[in-house]
Amino acid sequence: MVGRARFDGSVSGVLMVAAPVGLCQEMAAGAPRTGTASGDAMSCASRTIAELANTISGGIIAALMPGQSITFSPPVAERSSYHDWVVMSCAG
């Protein structure tokens, strides 16, 4: 799965976090629940990886550009294929 967080302002960009579906499901199982949100394991895993990307991008922006006016779009998650994993592993 891939979580994506987009931000715009004096600096704009996208931060993506990728993790295997099983790991996303494990993170979701251990994450604190808020409100009455519920759902199947896959939707919980999607929300968890998206929120992880959002949290990381917010932390980076706050650390590197304190006081800047930045707007964050709602984070999203999507399934990734084996091909996506191969491409991402070769990008580094």
Protein backbone atom coordinates (compact mmCIF):
# COMPACT_ATOMS: atom_id res chain seq x y z
CA MET A 1 0.00 0.00 0.00
CA VAL A 2 1.06 3.57 -0.56
CA GLY A 3 -0.01 6.52 1.59
CA ARG A 4 0.28 9.93 -0.01
CA ALA A 5 0.18 13.38 1.60
CA ARG A 6 0.16 16.53 -0.56
CA PHE A 7 1.08 19.97 0.73
CA ASP A 8 1.03 23.40 -0.90
CA GLY A 9 2.34 26.80 0.07
CA SER A 10 5.75 28.47 -0.07
CA VAL A 11 6.95 24.93 -0.79
CA SER A 12 4.74 22.33 -2.44
CA GLY A 13 5.17 18.61 -2.76
CA VAL A 14 4.01 15.10 -2.07
CA LEU A 15 5.30 12.66 0.53
CA MET A 16 4.66 8.98 -0.07
CA VAL A 17 5.06 6.09 2.36
CA ALA A 18 4.96 2.52 1.07
CA ALA A 19 4.51 -0.63 3.14
CA PRO A 20 3.25 -4.17 2.55
CA VAL A 21 -0.48 -4.65 3.12
CA GLY A 22 0.17 -7.02 6.04
CA LEU A 23 2.27 -4.41 7.84
CA CYS A 24 -0.41 -1.76 7.27
CA GLN A 25 -2.99 -4.12 8.78
CA GLU A 26 -0.73 -4.75 11.79
CA MET A 27 -0.23 -1.00 12.29
CA ALA A 28 -3.99 -0.46 12.03
CA ALA A 29 -4.66 -3.18 14.61
CA GLY A 30 -2.30 -1.47 17.06
CA ALA A 31 -3.45 2.09 16.36
CA PRO A 32 -5.67 3.84 18.90
CA ARG A 33 -9.26 4.16 17.75
CA THR A 34 -10.93 7.55 17.72
CA GLY A 35 -14.65 8.15 17.79
CA THR A 36 -16.83 5.36 16.51
CA ALA A 37 -14.96 4.75 13.25
CA SER A 38 -14.95 1.16 12.20
CA GLY A 39 -14.45 -0.84 9.06
CA ASP A 40 -12.88 -3.91 7.63
CA ALA A 41 -9.17 -4.60 8.01
CA MET A 42 -8.35 -3.24 4.54
CA SER A 43 -10.09 0.11 5.03
CA CYS A 44 -8.47 0.48 8.47
CA ALA A 45 -5.08 -0.31 6.92
CA SER A 46 -5.67 2.27 4.18
CA ARG A 47 -6.58 4.98 6.68
CA THR A 48 -3.56 4.11 8.80
CA ILE A 49 -0.96 4.33 6.00
CA ALA A 50 -2.55 7.55 4.70
CA GLU A 51 -2.44 9.12 8.16
CA LEU A 52 1.15 7.96 8.65
CA ALA A 53 2.16 9.82 5.47
CA ASN A 54 0.24 12.88 6.66
CA THR A 55 1.89 12.83 10.10
CA ILE A 56 5.39 12.42 8.67
CA SER A 57 4.92 15.23 6.13
CA GLY A 58 3.56 17.55 8.83
CA GLY A 59 6.54 16.80 11.07
CA ILE A 60 9.03 17.43 8.29
CA ILE A 61 7.39 20.71 7.29
CA ALA A 62 7.23 21.89 10.90
CA ALA A 63 10.91 21.03 11.48
CA LEU A 64 12.32 22.43 8.26
CA MET A 65 10.05 25.40 7.67
CA PRO A 66 8.66 26.68 10.98
CA GLY A 67 6.13 29.46 10.65
CA GLN A 68 5.51 28.87 6.94
CA SER A 69 1.96 28.92 5.62
CA ILE A 70 1.34 25.41 4.28
CA THR A 71 -1.97 23.81 3.30
CA PHE A 72 -2.33 20.05 3.52
CA SER A 73 -4.74 18.09 1.32
CA PRO A 74 -6.50 15.10 2.87
CA PRO A 75 -4.14 12.11 2.74
CA VAL A 76 -4.99 9.18 0.48
CA ALA A 77 -4.00 5.53 0.25
CA GLU A 78 -3.93 3.17 -2.66
CA ARG A 79 -3.05 -0.44 -3.28
CA SER A 80 0.31 -0.98 -4.93
CA SER A 81 1.27 -3.78 -7.26
CA TYR A 82 4.36 -5.95 -7.29
CA HIS A 83 5.59 -3.85 -10.23
CA ASP A 84 5.24 -0.69 -8.11
CA TRP A 85 7.41 -2.28 -5.41
CA VAL A 86 10.09 -3.20 -7.96
CA VAL A 87 10.14 0.34 -9.36
CA MET A 88 10.30 1.91 -5.87
CA SER A 89 13.09 -0.42 -4.73
CA CYS A 90 15.18 0.53 -7.76
CA ALA A 91 14.59 4.27 -7.27
CA GLY A 92 16.88 4.52 -4.25
